[in-house]
Protein backbone atom coordinates (compact mmCIF):
# COMPACT_ATOMS: atom_id res chain seq x y z
CA MET A 1 0.00 0.00 0.00
CA ILE A 2 1.25 3.46 -0.85
CA SER A 3 2.03 5.45 2.26
CA THR A 4 0.89 9.05 2.50
CA ALA A 5 2.20 12.06 4.31
CA PRO A 6 -0.57 14.43 5.42
CA ARG A 7 -0.24 18.15 4.85
CA PRO A 8 -2.93 19.80 6.95
CA ALA A 9 -4.65 23.01 5.96
CA PRO A 10 -3.09 26.23 7.26
CA ALA A 11 -4.24 27.80 10.51
CA GLY A 12 -7.69 29.28 10.18
CA GLY A 13 -8.94 26.40 8.03
CA ARG A 14 -8.36 28.03 4.60
CA LEU A 15 -6.63 25.78 2.12
CA THR A 16 -5.68 28.61 -0.21
CA ALA A 17 -6.03 32.35 -0.62
CA LEU A 18 -7.11 31.80 -4.24
CA GLU A 19 -10.81 32.26 -4.94
CA PRO A 20 -12.45 29.37 -6.82
CA PRO A 21 -13.99 30.33 -10.15
CA THR A 22 -17.75 30.75 -10.39
CA LEU A 23 -20.23 29.79 -13.08
CA GLN A 24 -20.13 33.42 -14.19
CA ASP A 25 -16.37 33.05 -14.71
CA VAL A 26 -17.01 30.00 -16.89
CA PHE A 27 -19.39 31.98 -19.10
CA ARG A 28 -16.77 34.74 -19.35
CA ALA A 29 -14.21 32.14 -20.41
CA ARG A 30 -16.57 30.73 -23.00
CA ARG A 31 -17.01 34.19 -24.52
CA VAL A 32 -13.22 34.56 -24.88
CA LEU A 33 -12.68 31.04 -26.19
CA ALA A 34 -15.48 31.35 -28.76
CA ASP A 35 -13.06 33.33 -30.94
CA LEU A 36 -10.19 30.88 -30.41
CA LEU A 37 -11.63 27.34 -30.26
CA PRO A 38 -14.71 25.73 -31.81
CA PRO A 39 -16.74 23.43 -29.51
CA THR A 40 -15.61 19.82 -29.60
CA PRO A 41 -18.03 17.07 -30.69
CA LEU A 42 -20.26 15.28 -28.20
CA LEU A 43 -20.88 11.81 -29.61
CA ALA A 44 -23.49 9.23 -28.63
CA PRO A 45 -22.01 6.00 -30.06
CA PRO A 46 -24.68 3.25 -30.13
CA ALA A 47 -22.15 0.40 -29.86
CA LEU A 48 -20.59 1.91 -26.75
CA ALA A 49 -23.97 2.62 -25.15
CA GLU A 50 -24.97 -0.98 -25.80
CA ARG A 51 -21.90 -2.31 -23.97
CA LEU A 52 -22.51 -0.12 -20.94
CA GLY A 53 -26.30 -0.31 -20.81
CA CYS A 54 -26.84 3.44 -20.54
CA GLU A 55 -27.33 6.47 -22.79
CA LEU A 56 -23.67 7.32 -23.14
CA TYR A 57 -22.10 10.51 -24.49
CA VAL A 58 -18.40 11.03 -25.24
CA LYS A 59 -16.97 14.55 -25.09
CA CYS A 60 -14.15 14.52 -27.65
CA GLU A 61 -11.51 16.73 -26.07
CA ASN A 62 -8.94 14.49 -27.77
CA LEU A 63 -9.82 16.44 -30.94
CA GLN A 64 -8.57 19.78 -29.60
CA PRO A 65 -5.65 21.43 -31.49
CA ILE A 66 -3.17 20.00 -28.95
CA GLY A 67 -5.12 16.74 -28.57
CA ALA A 68 -6.30 17.55 -25.03
CA PHE A 69 -8.79 19.62 -23.01
CA LYS A 70 -6.06 21.63 -21.30
CA VAL A 71 -5.83 24.06 -24.23
CA ARG A 72 -9.02 25.75 -23.00
CA GLY A 73 -7.37 26.73 -19.73
CA GLY A 74 -4.10 27.89 -21.24
CA LEU A 75 -5.79 30.20 -23.72
CA TYR A 76 -8.09 31.74 -21.15
CA LEU A 77 -5.27 32.21 -18.64
CA LEU A 78 -3.07 34.07 -21.11
CA SER A 79 -5.99 36.16 -22.34
CA ARG A 80 -6.32 37.46 -18.78
CA MET A 81 -2.64 38.27 -18.23
CA ALA A 82 -1.32 41.81 -18.51
CA PRO A 83 0.89 42.33 -21.59
CA GLU A 84 3.91 43.15 -19.42
CA ALA A 85 3.48 39.89 -17.48
CA ARG A 86 3.27 37.92 -20.71
CA ALA A 87 6.42 39.66 -21.95
CA ARG A 88 8.36 38.46 -18.90
CA GLY A 89 7.57 34.91 -19.93
CA LEU A 90 5.84 31.90 -18.46
CA VAL A 91 7.28 28.85 -16.74
CA THR A 92 5.34 25.70 -15.97
CA ALA A 93 5.73 21.97 -15.38
CA SER A 94 3.85 19.22 -17.14
CA THR A 95 3.79 15.59 -18.14
CA GLY A 96 2.70 16.90 -21.52
CA ASN A 97 -0.84 18.17 -22.08
CA HIS A 98 -0.74 21.15 -19.73
CA GLY A 99 2.66 22.06 -21.19
CA GLN A 100 1.24 21.91 -24.70
CA SER A 101 -1.61 24.13 -23.57
CA ILE A 102 0.74 26.82 -22.27
CA ALA A 103 2.99 26.50 -25.32
CA TYR A 104 0.01 26.82 -27.68
CA ALA A 105 -1.43 29.81 -25.84
CA ALA A 106 1.98 31.47 -25.56
CA ARG A 107 2.36 31.25 -29.33
CA ILE A 108 -1.09 32.78 -29.86
CA PHE A 109 -0.35 35.63 -27.43
CA ASP A 110 3.32 36.04 -28.46
CA ALA A 111 4.82 35.21 -25.07
CA PRO A 112 7.96 33.18 -24.30
CA ALA A 113 7.29 29.88 -22.52
CA ARG A 114 9.50 27.37 -20.73
CA VAL A 115 8.11 23.96 -19.78
CA PHE A 116 9.75 21.58 -17.31
CA VAL A 117 9.01 17.91 -17.94
CA PRO A 118 9.99 14.79 -16.00
CA GLU A 119 12.46 12.23 -17.23
CA GLY A 120 10.79 9.80 -19.62
CA ALA A 121 8.02 12.24 -20.60
CA ASN A 122 5.83 11.30 -23.56
CA PRO A 123 8.04 12.11 -26.59
CA LEU A 124 5.07 13.09 -28.76
CA LYS A 125 4.01 15.70 -26.21
CA VAL A 126 7.56 16.97 -25.76
CA ALA A 127 8.03 17.31 -29.52
CA ALA A 128 4.70 19.13 -29.80
CA MET A 129 5.70 21.63 -27.11
CA ARG A 130 8.94 22.40 -28.93
CA ARG A 131 7.12 22.66 -32.24
CA LEU A 132 4.82 25.24 -30.70
CA GLY A 133 7.85 27.30 -29.72
CA ALA A 134 8.29 26.47 -26.03
CA GLU A 135 11.66 25.74 -24.47
CA VAL A 136 11.49 22.30 -22.87
CA VAL A 137 13.67 21.44 -19.86
CA THR A 138 13.91 17.90 -18.51
CA ALA A 139 14.16 17.91 -14.72
CA GLY A 140 13.13 15.41 -12.06
CA ALA A 141 12.00 11.82 -11.92
CA ASP A 142 8.29 12.71 -11.96
CA PHE A 143 5.87 15.57 -12.48
CA ASP A 144 6.03 16.87 -8.94
CA ALA A 145 9.83 17.08 -8.99
CA SER A 146 9.58 18.96 -12.30
CA ARG A 147 7.05 21.32 -10.75
CA ASP A 148 9.44 22.18 -7.93
CA ALA A 149 12.21 22.89 -10.45
CA ALA A 150 9.89 25.05 -12.55
CA GLY A 151 8.81 27.11 -9.56
CA ALA A 152 12.41 27.79 -8.58
CA ASP A 153 13.31 28.74 -12.15
CA ALA A 154 10.40 31.16 -12.48
CA ALA A 155 11.32 32.87 -9.20
CA ALA A 156 14.96 33.21 -10.22
CA ARG A 157 14.13 34.73 -13.62
CA GLY A 158 11.18 36.91 -12.63
CA ALA A 159 8.86 34.98 -14.94
CA THR A 160 5.27 33.97 -14.20
CA PHE A 161 4.95 30.45 -12.80
CA VAL A 162 1.80 28.75 -14.06
CA HIS A 163 0.59 25.98 -11.79
CA SER A 164 -1.24 23.19 -13.57
CA ALA A 165 -4.17 23.17 -11.10
CA ASP A 166 -3.90 26.00 -8.55
CA GLU A 167 -5.01 28.59 -11.13
CA PRO A 168 -8.63 29.82 -11.11
CA ASP A 169 -8.45 30.96 -14.75
CA LEU A 170 -7.25 27.54 -15.88
CA ILE A 171 -10.19 25.92 -14.13
CA ALA A 172 -12.66 28.43 -15.59
CA GLY A 173 -11.25 27.78 -19.04
CA VAL A 174 -11.41 23.99 -18.93
CA ALA A 175 -14.89 24.19 -17.36
CA THR A 176 -16.21 25.34 -20.74
CA ALA A 177 -16.04 21.71 -21.90
CA SER A 178 -18.58 20.74 -19.24
CA LEU A 179 -20.67 23.78 -20.13
CA GLU A 180 -20.86 22.54 -23.72
CA ILE A 181 -21.96 19.09 -22.50
CA LEU A 182 -24.78 20.48 -20.34
CA GLU A 183 -25.98 22.79 -23.09
CA ALA A 184 -26.27 19.78 -25.42
CA VAL A 185 -27.79 17.41 -22.82
CA PRO A 186 -29.50 19.55 -20.14
CA ASP A 187 -31.03 16.52 -18.41
CA LEU A 188 -27.73 14.67 -18.05
CA ASP A 189 -27.65 12.42 -14.95
CA VAL A 190 -23.92 11.74 -14.50
CA LEU A 191 -20.71 13.41 -15.68
CA ILE A 192 -17.45 11.44 -15.32
CA VAL A 193 -14.09 13.20 -15.60
CA PRO A 194 -10.44 12.03 -15.28
CA VAL A 195 -8.34 13.52 -12.47
CA GLY A 196 -4.64 14.35 -12.60
CA GLY A 197 -4.13 17.62 -10.76
CA GLY A 198 -7.87 18.21 -10.71
CA SER A 199 -8.55 21.21 -12.97
CA GLY A 200 -10.88 19.29 -15.29
CA LEU A 201 -12.90 17.77 -12.46
CA CYS A 202 -13.11 21.13 -10.69
CA GLY A 203 -14.38 22.69 -13.90
CA ALA A 204 -17.01 19.95 -14.20
CA CYS A 205 -18.16 20.67 -10.65
CA VAL A 206 -18.32 24.44 -11.12
CA ALA A 207 -20.10 24.32 -14.49
CA GLY A 208 -22.11 21.14 -14.05
CA LYS A 209 -23.34 21.73 -10.52
CA GLY A 210 -23.80 25.41 -11.24
CA ILE A 211 -26.26 24.60 -14.01
CA ASN A 212 -27.83 21.51 -12.43
CA PRO A 213 -27.19 20.93 -8.70
CA ALA A 214 -28.72 17.44 -9.03
CA LEU A 215 -26.07 16.35 -11.55
CA ARG A 216 -23.73 13.67 -10.21
CA VAL A 217 -20.11 14.61 -10.94
CA ILE A 218 -17.62 11.79 -10.54
CA GLY A 219 -13.84 11.95 -10.78
CA VAL A 220 -11.55 9.12 -11.83
CA GLN A 221 -7.97 8.57 -10.71
CA ALA A 222 -5.42 5.90 -11.46
CA ALA A 223 -5.33 3.31 -8.68
CA GLY A 224 -1.56 3.77 -8.49
CA ALA A 225 -1.77 7.57 -8.10
CA PRO A 226 -4.76 8.33 -5.84
CA ALA A 227 -3.58 11.57 -4.20
CA VAL A 228 -6.72 13.61 -4.97
CA ARG A 229 -9.02 10.81 -3.81
CA GLU A 230 -7.03 10.29 -0.61
CA ALA A 231 -7.20 14.00 0.13
CA TRP A 232 -10.94 14.06 -0.59
CA LEU A 233 -11.61 11.10 1.69
CA ARG A 234 -9.41 12.38 4.52
CA ARG A 235 -10.16 16.09 4.10
CA GLU A 236 -6.49 16.95 4.26
CA LEU A 237 -3.88 17.49 1.59
CA VAL A 238 -1.64 14.49 1.02
CA THR A 239 1.59 13.74 -0.78
CA LEU A 240 2.19 10.20 -2.04
CA GLU A 241 5.63 8.63 -2.03
CA ARG A 242 5.22 7.71 -5.70
CA ALA A 243 2.79 7.63 -8.60
CA ASP A 244 2.62 4.18 -10.16
CA THR A 245 0.66 4.30 -13.44
CA PHE A 246 1.38 4.29 -17.15
CA ALA A 247 -1.21 7.07 -17.59
CA GLU A 248 1.13 10.05 -17.47
CA GLY A 249 -1.78 12.49 -17.41
CA LEU A 250 -2.89 11.02 -14.08
CA ALA A 251 0.56 10.49 -12.56
CA THR A 252 0.53 13.10 -9.81
CA ARG A 253 1.67 12.47 -6.23
CA VAL A 254 0.37 15.68 -4.65
CA ALA A 255 -3.12 16.98 -3.90
CA PHE A 256 -3.30 20.73 -4.53
CA ALA A 257 -5.07 23.34 -2.43
CA LEU A 258 -7.42 25.07 -4.89
CA PRO A 259 -8.80 21.83 -6.40
CA ALA A 260 -9.23 20.47 -2.87
CA THR A 261 -11.24 23.54 -1.87
CA ILE A 262 -13.62 22.95 -4.79
CA LEU A 263 -13.79 19.16 -4.74
CA TRP A 264 -14.31 18.75 -1.02
CA ALA A 265 -17.40 20.93 -1.32
CA MET A 266 -18.82 19.74 -4.64
CA VAL A 267 -17.73 16.40 -6.11
CA ASP A 268 -20.02 13.41 -5.53
CA ASP A 269 -17.45 10.63 -5.77
CA ILE A 270 -13.93 9.82 -6.95
CA ARG A 271 -13.33 6.32 -8.30
CA LEU A 272 -10.11 4.45 -8.94
CA VAL A 273 -9.31 2.47 -12.08
CA SER A 274 -6.38 0.19 -12.77
CA ASP A 275 -3.96 0.49 -15.66
CA ALA A 276 -5.50 -2.69 -17.10
CA GLU A 277 -8.97 -1.11 -17.00
CA MET A 278 -7.68 1.99 -18.78
CA ARG A 279 -6.00 -0.10 -21.46
CA ARG A 280 -9.25 -1.98 -22.07
CA ALA A 281 -11.12 1.31 -22.21
CA MET A 282 -8.64 2.69 -24.77
CA LEU A 283 -9.25 -0.32 -27.02
CA THR A 284 -13.01 -0.31 -26.51
CA MET A 285 -13.16 3.39 -27.38
CA LEU A 286 -11.15 2.74 -30.55
CA GLU A 287 -13.28 -0.23 -31.55
CA THR A 288 -16.68 1.37 -30.93
CA THR A 289 -16.10 5.02 -31.83
CA ARG A 290 -12.91 5.00 -33.94
CA LEU A 291 -11.50 7.55 -31.49
CA LEU A 292 -7.90 7.24 -30.33
CA VAL A 293 -7.45 8.27 -26.69
CA GLU A 294 -4.52 8.11 -24.31
CA ALA A 295 -4.77 6.28 -20.99
CA ALA A 296 -5.92 9.34 -19.05
CA GLY A 297 -8.44 10.04 -21.80
CA ALA A 298 -9.87 6.54 -21.35
CA ALA A 299 -10.10 6.71 -17.56
CA ALA A 300 -13.65 8.11 -17.48
CA LEU A 301 -14.88 5.34 -19.77
CA ALA A 302 -13.10 2.76 -17.61
CA ALA A 303 -14.95 4.08 -14.57
CA ALA A 304 -18.28 4.08 -16.42
CA TYR A 305 -17.79 0.41 -17.27
CA GLN A 306 -16.82 -0.32 -13.67
CA MET A 307 -20.04 1.44 -12.56
CA ARG A 308 -22.26 0.08 -15.32
CA ASP A 309 -24.81 -1.56 -13.00
CA GLU A 310 -25.53 1.68 -11.12
CA LEU A 311 -25.50 3.71 -14.35
CA ALA A 312 -27.96 1.45 -16.19
CA GLY A 313 -30.60 3.43 -18.05
CA LYS A 314 -29.13 6.82 -17.11
CA LYS A 315 -27.80 9.63 -19.28
CA VAL A 316 -24.04 9.60 -18.76
CA ALA A 317 -21.24 11.69 -20.27
CA VAL A 318 -17.58 10.75 -20.15
CA VAL A 319 -14.80 13.18 -21.00
CA ALA A 320 -12.19 11.81 -23.41
CA SER A 321 -9.67 14.28 -22.06
CA GLY A 322 -6.76 13.58 -24.40
CA GLY A 323 -5.59 11.57 -27.39
CA ASN A 324 -1.81 11.90 -27.24
CA VAL A 325 -0.89 8.24 -27.08
CA THR A 326 2.35 6.97 -28.59
CA LEU A 327 2.42 3.98 -30.93
CA ALA A 328 4.38 2.15 -28.25
CA GLY A 329 1.66 2.90 -25.71
CA LEU A 330 -1.06 1.71 -28.06
CA ALA A 331 0.90 -1.45 -28.88
CA GLU A 332 1.37 -2.10 -25.17
CA ALA A 333 -2.38 -1.84 -24.61
CA MET A 334 -3.15 -4.13 -27.54
CA ALA A 335 -0.63 -6.72 -26.39
CA ALA A 336 -1.94 -6.78 -22.82
CA GLU A 337 -5.72 -6.40 -23.07
CA ARG A 338 -8.81 -6.78 -25.23
CA PRO A 339 -11.92 -4.58 -25.54
CA TRP A 340 -14.93 -5.37 -23.32
């Protein structure tokens, strides 16, 4: 069992001085993003619904320009920055999709960007960040070590450090995906979202619950990297000794303060899925929808299959959060598992 080290909330009970975004902030973000990103498709694949026994919708964030939902947050964040702050540059850390988001937005807004990635980061994502014009620095054995290095670098150079989850504007931006889902299916029963640092799930809570308080919002973490779920269950921030999953988008060891503030108040449940379940979900998604998703992008579908008895007959949406899988990763999934 993975041991955890608790990090209690500061004196006074406040987890963070940052204010969580509101539904109004999400609508503001949507107005900005309307000129920068078209809505992504929301599919209702009959073959997939048949296998799960519910009315299933797939939000295709894997079809974003960077192949992941994070681009929404990066664009909105940079749109809100003062020109002089953008000129000083941005520094962030990422396993890939958040870094691509910042690199993409920095190119749009003509700002220099430096992204710290862990050793062994997804080479497709690293190449994409460089192609978008970001400087990529490899530092640390995992995401959280890279994040520490990025924070120190930003402080030393006077640049703006962009946290991957403790950023209200990032959360408001990515929440627009959930807004699009609820506008298309107002009577949705359940929304299932993958959880790495937590920005996507927080956005689903703010937008989904803001529109329909009765909506069940469920997060999904890798069983080998359950920091957000542990923090949610224990109501204290935790740091895991390691993150053990092949889903790099979910491989975080630390629960962050702003997502915790939102999730502890709003999320209905956080489920865990194994790497094997995510691999099967990747293959099932490909077989039934012809959509290619990475492991993190398949996590919500894996959870829906795990929960299929309780979801029977309901209207359920899963977020396919990203599609940046390598050929080696796809081959590994095909060699190890089969679709449901």
